[in-house]
N, C-alpha and C. Protein backbone atom coordinates (compact mmCIF):
# COMPACT_ATOMS: atom_id res chain seq x y z
N MET A 1 8.06 11.39 3.95
CA MET A 1 7.36 10.77 4.36
C MET A 1 5.93 10.83 3.20
N LYS A 2 5.78 10.68 2.16
CA LYS A 2 4.84 11.06 1.62
C LYS A 2 3.43 9.99 1.47
N GLU A 3 1.85 10.37 2.31
CA GLU A 3 1.02 9.46 2.55
C GLU A 3 0.27 9.63 1.08
N ILE A 4 -0.40 8.06 1.19
CA ILE A 4 -1.88 8.62 0.54
C ILE A 4 -2.97 8.28 1.15
N THR A 5 -4.33 8.18 1.11
CA THR A 5 -5.34 8.15 1.69
C THR A 5 -5.90 6.90 1.37
N VAL A 6 -6.71 6.00 2.02
CA VAL A 6 -7.54 5.26 1.03
C VAL A 6 -8.63 5.76 -0.04
N ALA A 7 -9.03 6.48 0.32
CA ALA A 7 -9.83 7.51 -0.34
C ALA A 7 -9.11 7.52 -2.38
N GLU A 8 -7.90 8.29 -1.55
CA GLU A 8 -7.04 8.36 -2.93
C GLU A 8 -6.34 7.02 -3.73
N LEU A 9 -6.48 5.96 -2.92
CA LEU A 9 -5.98 4.80 -3.48
C LEU A 9 -7.16 4.11 -4.29
N LYS A 10 -8.27 4.52 -3.79
CA LYS A 10 -9.84 3.81 -4.14
C LYS A 10 -9.87 4.44 -5.57
N ALA A 11 -9.55 5.82 -5.76
CA ALA A 11 -9.30 6.04 -7.08
C ALA A 11 -8.91 6.09 -8.03
N LEU A 12 -7.16 5.81 -7.53
CA LEU A 12 -6.53 4.97 -8.55
C LEU A 12 -6.81 3.76 -8.88
N LYS A 13 -7.54 2.85 -8.02
CA LYS A 13 -7.54 1.77 -8.56
C LYS A 13 -9.13 1.90 -9.49
N ASP A 14 -10.28 2.81 -9.25
CA ASP A 14 -11.23 2.95 -9.86
C ASP A 14 -11.03 3.44 -11.92
N THR A 15 -9.62 4.38 -11.16
CA THR A 15 -9.65 4.99 -12.62
C THR A 15 -8.36 4.09 -13.73
N LYS A 16 -8.27 2.66 -12.84
CA LYS A 16 -7.55 2.00 -13.82
C LYS A 16 -5.98 2.94 -13.89
N ALA A 17 -5.71 3.78 -12.94
CA ALA A 17 -4.33 4.16 -13.27
C ALA A 17 -3.49 3.77 -13.14
N ASP A 18 -1.90 3.95 -13.36
CA ASP A 18 -0.67 3.26 -13.97
C ASP A 18 -0.14 3.49 -12.24
N TYR A 19 0.03 2.55 -11.54
CA TYR A 19 0.87 2.99 -10.15
C TYR A 19 0.86 1.40 -10.20
N GLN A 20 1.84 1.00 -8.69
CA GLN A 20 2.24 -0.02 -8.14
C GLN A 20 1.91 -0.27 -6.89
N LEU A 21 1.13 -1.12 -6.29
CA LEU A 21 0.82 -1.54 -5.39
C LEU A 21 1.76 -2.98 -4.75
N VAL A 22 2.03 -1.93 -3.28
CA VAL A 22 3.08 -3.10 -2.85
C VAL A 22 2.24 -3.67 -1.56
N ASP A 23 2.51 -5.04 -1.28
CA ASP A 23 2.00 -5.25 0.28
C ASP A 23 3.03 -5.66 0.91
N VAL A 24 3.73 -5.16 2.12
CA VAL A 24 4.51 -5.57 2.87
C VAL A 24 4.37 -6.40 4.32
N ARG A 25 3.31 -7.25 3.92
CA ARG A 25 2.64 -7.92 5.59
C ARG A 25 3.83 -9.28 5.06
N GLU A 26 3.37 -9.98 6.07
CA GLU A 26 3.81 -11.22 6.27
C GLU A 26 2.82 -12.20 5.65
N GLU A 27 3.26 -13.20 5.00
CA GLU A 27 2.22 -14.31 4.43
C GLU A 27 0.93 -14.88 5.06
N HIS A 28 1.07 -15.07 6.28
CA HIS A 28 -0.07 -15.05 7.08
C HIS A 28 -1.15 -13.92 7.24
N GLU A 29 -0.57 -12.61 6.99
CA GLU A 29 -1.30 -11.90 6.80
C GLU A 29 -2.51 -11.60 5.66
N LEU A 30 -2.20 -12.29 4.43
CA LEU A 30 -2.74 -12.04 3.24
C LEU A 30 -4.20 -12.55 3.81
N GLU A 31 -4.48 -13.53 4.63
CA GLU A 31 -5.74 -14.52 4.66
C GLU A 31 -6.68 -13.16 5.33
N ILE A 32 -6.30 -12.09 5.98
CA ILE A 32 -7.21 -11.36 6.90
C ILE A 32 -7.77 -10.45 5.56
N CYS A 33 -6.97 -10.06 4.75
CA CYS A 33 -7.67 -9.11 3.79
C CYS A 33 -6.56 -8.69 2.92
N GLU A 34 -7.17 -8.81 1.45
CA GLU A 34 -5.95 -8.79 0.64
C GLU A 34 -6.59 -7.96 -0.88
N ILE A 35 -5.44 -6.75 -0.92
CA ILE A 35 -6.44 -6.07 -1.76
C ILE A 35 -5.27 -5.80 -3.31
N GLY A 36 -4.85 -6.75 -3.67
CA GLY A 36 -4.06 -6.92 -4.67
C GLY A 36 -2.37 -6.16 -4.63
N GLY A 37 -1.79 -6.47 -5.85
CA GLY A 37 -0.74 -5.79 -5.74
C GLY A 37 0.75 -6.92 -5.47
N LEU A 38 1.78 -6.30 -5.59
CA LEU A 38 2.95 -7.30 -5.35
C LEU A 38 3.27 -7.58 -3.91
N HIS A 39 3.07 -8.50 -3.65
CA HIS A 39 3.57 -8.72 -2.36
C HIS A 39 4.86 -9.42 -1.76
N ILE A 40 5.90 -8.66 -0.87
CA ILE A 40 7.10 -8.67 -0.64
C ILE A 40 6.82 -8.45 0.79
N PRO A 41 7.05 -9.17 1.55
CA PRO A 41 7.30 -9.00 3.11
C PRO A 41 8.19 -8.01 3.21
N MET A 42 8.56 -7.46 4.60
CA MET A 42 8.78 -6.12 4.90
C MET A 42 10.71 -6.21 5.10
N GLY A 43 10.75 -7.83 5.59
CA GLY A 43 12.08 -8.35 5.50
C GLY A 43 12.74 -8.52 4.40
N ASP A 44 12.18 -8.62 2.94
CA ASP A 44 12.73 -9.02 1.76
C ASP A 44 12.90 -7.97 0.87
N VAL A 45 12.13 -6.85 1.23
CA VAL A 45 12.08 -5.67 0.30
C VAL A 45 13.16 -5.47 -0.04
N MET A 46 14.59 -4.87 0.50
CA MET A 46 15.60 -4.38 0.06
C MET A 46 16.23 -5.52 -0.80
N ASP A 47 15.87 -6.74 -0.47
CA ASP A 47 16.69 -7.69 -1.30
C ASP A 47 15.90 -7.79 -3.07
N ASN A 48 14.60 -6.88 -2.91
CA ASN A 48 14.05 -7.16 -4.18
C ASN A 48 13.57 -5.77 -4.90
N LEU A 49 14.65 -4.67 -4.92
CA LEU A 49 14.34 -3.40 -5.23
C LEU A 49 14.21 -3.48 -6.55
N ASP A 50 14.66 -4.51 -7.49
CA ASP A 50 14.74 -4.35 -9.11
C ASP A 50 12.98 -4.87 -9.19
N LYS A 51 12.33 -5.09 -8.10
CA LYS A 51 10.90 -5.16 -8.80
C LYS A 51 9.90 -4.00 -8.24
N ILE A 52 10.42 -2.90 -7.98
CA ILE A 52 9.73 -1.84 -7.28
C ILE A 52 10.02 -0.72 -8.15
N SER A 53 9.06 -0.43 -8.54
CA SER A 53 8.97 0.72 -9.85
C SER A 53 9.77 1.97 -9.49
N LYS A 54 10.41 2.66 -10.31
CA LYS A 54 11.32 3.89 -10.17
C LYS A 54 10.40 4.70 -10.94
N ASP A 55 9.48 4.77 -11.83
CA ASP A 55 9.21 5.21 -13.00
C ASP A 55 7.27 5.73 -12.60
N LYS A 56 6.79 4.92 -11.78
CA LYS A 56 5.12 5.48 -11.29
C LYS A 56 4.97 5.31 -9.91
N GLN A 57 4.05 6.20 -9.61
CA GLN A 57 3.50 6.18 -8.53
C GLN A 57 3.16 4.49 -8.26
N VAL A 58 4.57 4.77 -6.43
CA VAL A 58 4.47 3.17 -5.58
C VAL A 58 3.59 3.36 -4.52
N VAL A 59 2.47 2.47 -3.95
CA VAL A 59 1.90 2.94 -2.90
C VAL A 59 2.45 1.16 -1.86
N ILE A 60 2.78 1.71 -0.94
CA ILE A 60 2.99 0.61 -0.24
C ILE A 60 1.82 0.38 1.39
N HIS A 61 1.97 -0.67 1.39
CA HIS A 61 0.81 -1.14 2.41
C HIS A 61 1.37 -2.40 3.32
N CYS A 62 0.78 -2.05 4.26
CA CYS A 62 0.98 -3.16 5.63
C CYS A 62 -0.36 -3.24 5.98
N ARG A 63 0.07 -3.86 7.41
CA ARG A 63 -1.64 -3.58 8.34
C ARG A 63 -2.25 -2.31 9.00
N SER A 64 -1.31 -1.49 9.40
CA SER A 64 -1.39 -0.37 10.07
C SER A 64 -1.02 0.82 9.75
N GLY A 65 0.14 0.75 8.63
CA GLY A 65 0.95 1.99 8.23
C GLY A 65 2.11 1.86 8.52
N ALA A 66 2.34 1.07 9.50
CA ALA A 66 3.79 1.33 10.46
C ALA A 66 5.22 0.82 9.39
N ARG A 67 4.74 -0.42 9.10
CA ARG A 67 5.61 -1.19 8.72
C ARG A 67 6.18 -0.75 7.23
N SER A 68 5.05 -0.09 6.43
CA SER A 68 5.17 0.32 5.05
C SER A 68 5.87 1.69 5.41
N GLY A 69 5.32 2.73 6.21
CA GLY A 69 6.50 3.92 6.38
C GLY A 69 7.55 3.67 6.52
N ALA A 70 8.21 2.82 7.69
CA ALA A 70 9.40 2.43 7.39
C ALA A 70 9.77 2.16 6.52
N ILE A 71 9.18 1.16 5.42
CA ILE A 71 10.29 0.80 4.10
C ILE A 71 9.91 1.86 3.17
N CYS A 72 8.92 2.62 3.27
CA CYS A 72 9.08 4.09 2.09
C CYS A 72 10.50 5.20 2.64
N GLN A 73 10.11 5.17 4.16
CA GLN A 73 11.72 5.93 4.12
C GLN A 73 12.97 5.09 3.95
N ALA A 74 12.74 3.55 3.76
CA ALA A 74 14.09 3.00 3.40
C ALA A 74 14.39 3.48 2.12
N LEU A 75 12.85 3.05 1.41
CA LEU A 75 13.16 3.49 -0.27
C LEU A 75 13.49 4.96 -0.93
N GLU A 76 12.90 5.91 0.00
CA GLU A 76 13.79 6.86 -0.44
C GLU A 76 15.00 7.33 -0.16
N ALA A 77 15.81 6.39 1.16
CA ALA A 77 17.09 6.46 1.28
C ALA A 77 17.99 5.95 0.45
N GLN A 78 17.23 5.17 -0.61
CA GLN A 78 17.66 4.53 -2.00
C GLN A 78 17.40 5.31 -3.06
N GLY A 79 17.08 6.26 -2.96
CA GLY A 79 16.90 7.25 -4.13
C GLY A 79 15.20 7.06 -5.05
N TYR A 80 14.76 6.61 -4.09
CA TYR A 80 12.82 6.40 -4.41
C TYR A 80 12.53 7.77 -3.87
N ASN A 81 11.63 8.55 -5.03
CA ASN A 81 10.74 9.58 -4.87
C ASN A 81 9.43 9.68 -5.26
N ASN A 82 8.82 8.16 -5.49
CA ASN A 82 7.77 8.43 -6.19
C ASN A 82 6.80 6.80 -4.70
N VAL A 83 7.08 6.90 -3.83
CA VAL A 83 6.43 6.18 -2.69
C VAL A 83 5.69 6.96 -2.12
N TYR A 84 4.70 5.86 -1.50
CA TYR A 84 3.43 7.17 -0.83
C TYR A 84 3.19 5.48 0.04
N ASN A 85 3.32 5.87 1.32
CA ASN A 85 2.49 5.13 2.39
C ASN A 85 1.05 5.34 2.55
N LEU A 86 0.23 4.07 2.20
CA LEU A 86 -0.99 4.16 2.66
C LEU A 86 -1.46 4.34 3.94
N LYS A 87 -1.68 5.60 4.45
CA LYS A 87 -1.98 5.57 5.91
C LYS A 87 -3.34 5.25 6.36
N GLY A 88 -2.75 4.47 7.40
CA GLY A 88 -3.81 3.40 8.48
C GLY A 88 -3.93 2.31 7.58
N GLY A 89 -3.38 2.05 6.64
CA GLY A 89 -2.70 0.23 6.24
C GLY A 89 -4.19 -0.31 5.92
N ILE A 90 -4.17 -1.86 5.86
CA ILE A 90 -5.07 -2.54 5.14
C ILE A 90 -6.40 -2.23 6.61
N ILE A 91 -6.07 -1.86 7.75
CA ILE A 91 -6.89 -1.77 8.49
C ILE A 91 -8.05 -0.49 7.84
N ALA A 92 -7.55 0.36 7.59
CA ALA A 92 -7.91 1.71 7.03
C ALA A 92 -8.92 1.25 5.92
N TRP A 93 -8.27 0.67 5.56
CA TRP A 93 -9.01 0.21 3.96
C TRP A 93 -10.23 -0.94 4.55
N GLN A 94 -9.93 -1.54 4.79
CA GLN A 94 -11.37 -2.26 5.37
C GLN A 94 -12.62 -1.62 5.79
N LEU A 95 -12.06 -0.48 6.86
CA LEU A 95 -13.01 0.40 7.27
C LEU A 95 -13.90 1.08 6.55
N LYS A 96 -12.69 1.70 5.45
CA LYS A 96 -13.58 2.86 4.70
C LYS A 96 -14.54 1.72 3.86
N LEU A 97 -14.07 0.52 3.57
CA LEU A 97 -14.90 -0.62 2.78
C LEU A 97 -16.12 -0.92 3.49
N THR A 98 -16.28 -1.03 4.33
CA THR A 98 -17.25 -1.41 5.64
C THR A 98 -18.57 0.11 5.56
N LEU A 99 -17.93 0.83 5.84
CA LEU A 99 -18.74 2.32 5.95
C LEU A 99 -19.37 2.54 4.50
N LEU A 100 -18.82 2.64 3.46
CA LEU A 100 -19.34 2.41 2.23
C LEU A 100 -20.70 1.47 1.85
N LEU A 101 -20.26 0.36 2.23
CA LEU A 101 -21.40 -0.92 2.19
C LEU A 101 -22.31 -0.41 3.02
N LEU A 102 -22.40 0.02 4.14
CA LEU A 102 -23.12 0.15 5.23
C LEU A 102 -24.30 1.79 4.59
N ASN A 103 -23.37 2.76 4.33
CA ASN A 103 -24.23 3.63 3.31
C ASN A 103 -25.27 3.24 2.34
N THR A 104 -24.47 2.43 1.54
CA THR A 104 -25.01 1.84 0.50
C THR A 104 -26.43 1.12 0.79
N LYS A 105 -26.81 0.35 1.51
CA LYS A 105 -27.45 0.23 2.17
C LYS A 105 -29.10 0.84 2.93
N HIS A 106 -28.58 2.20 3.03
CA HIS A 106 -29.25 2.70 3.69
C HIS A 106 -30.32 4.18 2.38
């Protein structure tokens, strides 16, 4: 399974790269932190394969990286070779942004 770091995802966002972001968390988890992209709860992903690109890089994320890792493996078994798990999930994203904000205040 391929992974992408928070820093690499931030670079994709900052450069407006052509990629797809898929959030596999449950609806109630979106209130905690939301970074954009297509929301497909984990249990619904296999019924929505038509919404997941095979033509560009696809970054899958969840809260910690565990569920998105499982989804990446399931998609790879379906022939997707362009999926990347966000290492550490939304927790890592929040931590990285917090650290960046703290560093800019000093």
